[in-house]
């Protein structure tokens, strides 16, 4: 289990709250949609929503760790779309969808305002970049902590093996 600082706990709680809000909205929309043709309304339990939130959170943190590792391996501190494409390389449908979204984003950036962005868009982009950097930092720290913990566990296992081999003399 990872030991998180107070700041990391705050970021994780904020991320989970955002995921909770989004999942709740999606589940409500889908249950309403499914209930339209039915005599009795279809509902989702809070446990279902909580399980979905946990599943999505764990998947996102896993993807985030992978993104940070790809960027780090490339000698960069910033995650790029190429890193994301490395993650989805074995899922052609998702890769095509992300490529299409990326092309759409490039088209929007190059048109509309002649490539210029508003102050609000600049602030949003800076907030997103800062958020990605903070998450990347947290992931790097947790990966380092996990590696350190793994080394400690290996040392403890070696100590236990020595203890058990010594006990063999007494049995």
C-alpha atoms as a PDB file:
ATOM      1  CA  UNK A   1       0.000   0.000   0.000  1.00  0.00           C
ATOM      2  CA  UNK A   2       1.290   3.438  -0.909  1.00  0.00           C
ATOM      3  CA  UNK A   3       1.909   6.069   1.718  1.00  0.00           C
ATOM      4  CA  UNK A   4       0.530   9.374   0.458  1.00  0.00           C
ATOM      5  CA  UNK A   5       1.330  12.865   1.644  1.00  0.00           C
ATOM      6  CA  UNK A   6      -1.501  15.173   2.649  1.00  0.00           C
ATOM      7  CA  UNK A   7      -1.251  16.961  -0.709  1.00  0.00           C
ATOM      8  CA  UNK A   8      -1.425  13.666  -2.591  1.00  0.00           C
ATOM      9  CA  UNK A   9      -4.445  12.611  -0.529  1.00  0.00           C
ATOM     10  CA  UNK A  10      -6.141  15.912  -1.380  1.00  0.00           C
ATOM     11  CA  UNK A  11      -5.478  15.470  -5.108  1.00  0.00           C
ATOM     12  CA  UNK A  12      -6.729  11.868  -4.974  1.00  0.00           C
ATOM     13  CA  UNK A  13      -9.897  12.923  -3.112  1.00  0.00           C
ATOM     14  CA  UNK A  14     -10.557  15.690  -5.642  1.00  0.00           C
ATOM     15  CA  UNK A  15     -10.060  13.264  -8.534  1.00  0.00           C
ATOM     16  CA  UNK A  16     -12.369  10.680  -6.969  1.00  0.00           C
ATOM     17  CA  UNK A  17     -15.034  13.354  -6.359  1.00  0.00           C
ATOM     18  CA  UNK A  18     -14.871  14.370 -10.018  1.00  0.00           C
ATOM     19  CA  UNK A  19     -15.120  10.756 -11.116  1.00  0.00           C
ATOM     20  CA  UNK A  20     -18.026  10.190  -8.719  1.00  0.00           C
ATOM     21  CA  UNK A  21     -19.910  13.166 -10.161  1.00  0.00           C
ATOM     22  CA  UNK A  22     -19.357  12.018 -13.739  1.00  0.00           C
ATOM     23  CA  UNK A  23     -20.209   8.367 -13.092  1.00  0.00           C
ATOM     24  CA  UNK A  24     -23.370   9.350 -11.196  1.00  0.00           C
ATOM     25  CA  UNK A  25     -24.496  11.512 -14.101  1.00  0.00           C
ATOM     26  CA  UNK A  26     -23.836   8.748 -16.659  1.00  0.00           C
ATOM     27  CA  UNK A  27     -25.590   6.108 -14.542  1.00  0.00           C
ATOM     28  CA  UNK A  28     -28.631   8.366 -14.066  1.00  0.00           C
ATOM     29  CA  UNK A  29     -28.833   9.064 -17.803  1.00  0.00           C
ATOM     30  CA  UNK A  30     -28.548   5.379 -18.674  1.00  0.00           C
ATOM     31  CA  UNK A  31     -31.092   4.217 -16.079  1.00  0.00           C
ATOM     32  CA  UNK A  32     -33.576   6.845 -17.312  1.00  0.00           C
ATOM     33  CA  UNK A  33     -32.982   5.745 -20.890  1.00  0.00           C
ATOM     34  CA  UNK A  34     -33.497   2.074 -19.981  1.00  0.00           C
ATOM     35  CA  UNK A  35     -36.601   2.875 -17.905  1.00  0.00           C
ATOM     36  CA  UNK A  36     -38.446   4.662 -20.724  1.00  0.00           C
ATOM     37  CA  UNK A  37     -39.934   1.535 -22.277  1.00  0.00           C
ATOM     38  CA  UNK A  38     -40.371  -0.329 -19.000  1.00  0.00           C
ATOM     39  CA  UNK A  39     -43.330  -0.519 -16.590  1.00  0.00           C
ATOM     40  CA  UNK A  40     -41.080  -0.264 -13.552  1.00  0.00           C
ATOM     41  CA  UNK A  41     -38.205   2.192 -13.264  1.00  0.00           C
ATOM     42  CA  UNK A  42     -34.695   0.838 -13.356  1.00  0.00           C
ATOM     43  CA  UNK A  43     -32.430   2.132 -10.619  1.00  0.00           C
ATOM     44  CA  UNK A  44     -28.790   1.740  -9.711  1.00  0.00           C
ATOM     45  CA  UNK A  45     -27.665   1.139  -6.160  1.00  0.00           C
ATOM     46  CA  UNK A  46     -25.091   3.364  -4.473  1.00  0.00           C
ATOM     47  CA  UNK A  47     -22.870   0.274  -4.227  1.00  0.00           C
ATOM     48  CA  UNK A  48     -22.883  -0.040  -8.024  1.00  0.00           C
ATOM     49  CA  UNK A  49     -21.881   3.598  -8.408  1.00  0.00           C
ATOM     50  CA  UNK A  50     -19.157   3.216  -5.760  1.00  0.00           C
ATOM     51  CA  UNK A  51     -17.799   0.097  -7.497  1.00  0.00           C
ATOM     52  CA  UNK A  52     -17.748   1.881 -10.860  1.00  0.00           C
ATOM     53  CA  UNK A  53     -15.990   4.886  -9.313  1.00  0.00           C
ATOM     54  CA  UNK A  54     -13.316   2.659  -7.782  1.00  0.00           C
ATOM     55  CA  UNK A  55     -12.865   0.759 -11.049  1.00  0.00           C
ATOM     56  CA  UNK A  56     -12.492   3.954 -13.087  1.00  0.00           C
ATOM     57  CA  UNK A  57     -10.182   5.542 -10.493  1.00  0.00           C
ATOM     58  CA  UNK A  58      -7.857   2.531 -10.462  1.00  0.00           C
ATOM     59  CA  UNK A  59      -7.830   2.368 -14.260  1.00  0.00           C
ATOM     60  CA  UNK A  60      -7.047   6.083 -14.526  1.00  0.00           C
ATOM     61  CA  UNK A  61      -4.221   5.889 -12.009  1.00  0.00           C
ATOM     62  CA  UNK A  62      -2.802   2.902 -13.873  1.00  0.00           C
ATOM     63  CA  UNK A  63      -2.964   4.775 -17.184  1.00  0.00           C
ATOM     64  CA  UNK A  64      -1.436   7.827 -15.503  1.00  0.00           C
ATOM     65  CA  UNK A  65       1.464   5.751 -14.201  1.00  0.00           C
ATOM     66  CA  UNK A  66       2.021   4.302 -17.665  1.00  0.00           C
ATOM     67  CA  UNK A  67       1.927   7.773 -19.238  1.00  0.00           C
ATOM     68  CA  UNK A  68       4.483   9.051 -16.743  1.00  0.00           C
ATOM     69  CA  UNK A  69       6.734   6.063 -17.394  1.00  0.00           C
ATOM     70  CA  UNK A  70       6.546   6.532 -21.185  1.00  0.00           C
ATOM     71  CA  UNK A  71       7.407  10.232 -20.871  1.00  0.00           C
ATOM     72  CA  UNK A  72      10.195   9.473 -18.407  1.00  0.00           C
ATOM     73  CA  UNK A  73      11.588   6.763 -20.690  1.00  0.00           C
ATOM     74  CA  UNK A  74      11.657   9.291 -23.544  1.00  0.00           C
ATOM     75  CA  UNK A  75      13.578  11.700 -21.304  1.00  0.00           C
ATOM     76  CA  UNK A  76      10.692  14.141 -20.990  1.00  0.00           C
ATOM     77  CA  UNK A  77       8.838  15.595 -18.032  1.00  0.00           C
ATOM     78  CA  UNK A  78       5.730  16.373 -20.080  1.00  0.00           C
ATOM     79  CA  UNK A  79       3.220  13.787 -21.267  1.00  0.00           C
ATOM     80  CA  UNK A  80       2.415  14.075 -24.977  1.00  0.00           C
ATOM     81  CA  UNK A  81      -0.317  12.612 -27.207  1.00  0.00           C
ATOM     82  CA  UNK A  82       2.300  10.139 -28.474  1.00  0.00           C
ATOM     83  CA  UNK A  83       2.481   8.658 -24.966  1.00  0.00           C
ATOM     84  CA  UNK A  84      -1.273   8.123 -25.007  1.00  0.00           C
ATOM     85  CA  UNK A  85      -1.043   6.502 -28.426  1.00  0.00           C
ATOM     86  CA  UNK A  86       1.518   4.074 -26.975  1.00  0.00           C
ATOM     87  CA  UNK A  87      -1.009   3.044 -24.323  1.00  0.00           C
ATOM     88  CA  UNK A  88      -3.848   2.440 -26.795  1.00  0.00           C
ATOM     89  CA  UNK A  89      -1.680   0.847 -29.499  1.00  0.00           C
ATOM     90  CA  UNK A  90      -3.254  -2.590 -28.971  1.00  0.00           C
ATOM     91  CA  UNK A  91      -6.821  -1.279 -29.199  1.00  0.00           C
ATOM     92  CA  UNK A  92      -7.359  -0.194 -32.840  1.00  0.00           C
ATOM     93  CA  UNK A  93     -10.859   1.191 -32.235  1.00  0.00           C
ATOM     94  CA  UNK A  94      -9.777   3.386 -29.341  1.00  0.00           C
ATOM     95  CA  UNK A  95      -6.622   4.424 -31.176  1.00  0.00           C
ATOM     96  CA  UNK A  96      -8.669   5.525 -34.208  1.00  0.00           C
ATOM     97  CA  UNK A  97     -11.090   7.452 -31.991  1.00  0.00           C
ATOM     98  CA  UNK A  98      -8.271   9.241 -30.138  1.00  0.00           C
ATOM     99  CA  UNK A  99      -6.493  10.024 -33.408  1.00  0.00           C
ATOM    100  CA  UNK A 100      -9.696  11.538 -34.731  1.00  0.00           C
ATOM    101  CA  UNK A 101     -10.122  13.608 -31.555  1.00  0.00           C
ATOM    102  CA  UNK A 102      -6.516  14.762 -31.765  1.00  0.00           C
ATOM    103  CA  UNK A 103      -6.937  15.810 -35.394  1.00  0.00           C
ATOM    104  CA  UNK A 104     -10.138  17.659 -34.472  1.00  0.00           C
ATOM    105  CA  UNK A 105      -8.314  19.467 -31.668  1.00  0.00           C
ATOM    106  CA  UNK A 106      -5.484  20.457 -34.019  1.00  0.00           C
ATOM    107  CA  UNK A 107      -8.031  21.737 -36.561  1.00  0.00           C
ATOM    108  CA  UNK A 108      -9.854  23.792 -33.909  1.00  0.00           C
ATOM    109  CA  UNK A 109      -6.582  25.229 -32.621  1.00  0.00           C
ATOM    110  CA  UNK A 110      -5.521  26.291 -36.091  1.00  0.00           C
ATOM    111  CA  UNK A 111      -8.830  27.909 -37.049  1.00  0.00           C
ATOM    112  CA  UNK A 112     -11.584  30.008 -35.553  1.00  0.00           C
ATOM    113  CA  UNK A 113      -9.472  32.749 -34.055  1.00  0.00           C
ATOM    114  CA  UNK A 114      -6.537  32.562 -36.389  1.00  0.00           C
ATOM    115  CA  UNK A 115      -4.630  30.386 -33.934  1.00  0.00           C
ATOM    116  CA  UNK A 116      -4.993  32.894 -31.109  1.00  0.00           C
ATOM    117  CA  UNK A 117      -6.513  31.843 -27.819  1.00  0.00           C
ATOM    118  CA  UNK A 118      -8.450  33.854 -25.302  1.00  0.00           C
ATOM    119  CA  UNK A 119      -7.139  34.594 -21.823  1.00  0.00           C
ATOM    120  CA  UNK A 120      -9.677  32.159 -20.381  1.00  0.00           C
ATOM    121  CA  UNK A 121      -8.535  29.380 -22.736  1.00  0.00           C
ATOM    122  CA  UNK A 122      -4.921  30.092 -21.797  1.00  0.00           C
ATOM    123  CA  UNK A 123      -5.793  29.823 -18.092  1.00  0.00           C
ATOM    124  CA  UNK A 124      -7.693  26.581 -18.667  1.00  0.00           C
ATOM    125  CA  UNK A 125      -4.780  25.127 -20.589  1.00  0.00           C
ATOM    126  CA  UNK A 126      -2.319  26.167 -17.858  1.00  0.00           C
ATOM    127  CA  UNK A 127      -4.565  24.605 -15.197  1.00  0.00           C
ATOM    128  CA  UNK A 128      -4.744  21.380 -17.191  1.00  0.00           C
ATOM    129  CA  UNK A 129      -0.982  21.339 -17.704  1.00  0.00           C
ATOM    130  CA  UNK A 130      -0.382  21.990 -14.008  1.00  0.00           C
ATOM    131  CA  UNK A 131      -2.835  19.250 -13.129  1.00  0.00           C
ATOM    132  CA  UNK A 132      -1.041  16.806 -15.426  1.00  0.00           C
ATOM    133  CA  UNK A 133       2.331  17.787 -13.954  1.00  0.00           C
ATOM    134  CA  UNK A 134       1.074  17.336 -10.389  1.00  0.00           C
ATOM    135  CA  UNK A 135      -0.417  13.954 -11.253  1.00  0.00           C
ATOM    136  CA  UNK A 136       2.779  12.924 -13.032  1.00  0.00           C
ATOM    137  CA  UNK A 137       4.779  13.976  -9.971  1.00  0.00           C
ATOM    138  CA  UNK A 138       2.482  11.990  -7.684  1.00  0.00           C
ATOM    139  CA  UNK A 139       2.754   8.963  -9.926  1.00  0.00           C
ATOM    140  CA  UNK A 140       6.545   9.221 -10.027  1.00  0.00           C
ATOM    141  CA  UNK A 141       6.685   9.499  -6.236  1.00  0.00           C
ATOM    142  CA  UNK A 142       4.366   6.550  -5.726  1.00  0.00           C
ATOM    143  CA  UNK A 143       6.298   4.454  -8.260  1.00  0.00           C
ATOM    144  CA  UNK A 144       9.538   5.239  -6.406  1.00  0.00           C
ATOM    145  CA  UNK A 145       7.891   4.381  -3.078  1.00  0.00           C
ATOM    146  CA  UNK A 146       6.611   1.104  -4.510  1.00  0.00           C
ATOM    147  CA  UNK A 147      10.067   0.226  -5.828  1.00  0.00           C
ATOM    148  CA  UNK A 148      11.597   1.030  -2.420  1.00  0.00           C
ATOM    149  CA  UNK A 149       8.942  -1.080  -0.700  1.00  0.00           C
ATOM    150  CA  UNK A 150       9.598  -3.935  -3.144  1.00  0.00           C
ATOM    151  CA  UNK A 151      13.299  -3.858  -2.292  1.00  0.00           C
ATOM    152  CA  UNK A 152      12.495  -3.880   1.441  1.00  0.00           C
ATOM    153  CA  UNK A 153      10.152  -6.852   0.975  1.00  0.00           C
ATOM    154  CA  UNK A 154      12.850  -8.740  -0.940  1.00  0.00           C
ATOM    155  CA  UNK A 155      15.314  -8.103   1.903  1.00  0.00           C
ATOM    156  CA  UNK A 156      12.728  -9.270   4.450  1.00  0.00           C
ATOM    157  CA  UNK A 157      12.066 -12.419   2.413  1.00  0.00           C
ATOM    158  CA  UNK A 158      15.796 -13.159   2.335  1.00  0.00           C
ATOM    159  CA  UNK A 159      15.949 -12.717   6.127  1.00  0.00           C
ATOM    160  CA  UNK A 160      12.973 -15.065   6.536  1.00  0.00           C
ATOM    161  CA  UNK A 161      14.620 -17.669   4.296  1.00  0.00           C
ATOM    162  CA  UNK A 162      17.757 -17.519   6.453  1.00  0.00           C
ATOM    163  CA  UNK A 163      15.640 -17.951   9.587  1.00  0.00           C
ATOM    164  CA  UNK A 164      13.805 -20.948   8.153  1.00  0.00           C
ATOM    165  CA  UNK A 165      16.990 -22.616   6.944  1.00  0.00           C
ATOM    166  CA  UNK A 166      18.466 -22.181  10.434  1.00  0.00           C
ATOM    167  CA  UNK A 167      15.349 -23.750  11.935  1.00  0.00           C
ATOM    168  CA  UNK A 168      15.882 -26.837   9.786  1.00  0.00           C
ATOM    169  CA  UNK A 169      18.817 -27.763  11.994  1.00  0.00           C
ATOM    170  CA  UNK A 170      16.528 -27.941  15.040  1.00  0.00           C
ATOM    171  CA  UNK A 171      13.749 -29.967  13.474  1.00  0.00           C
END
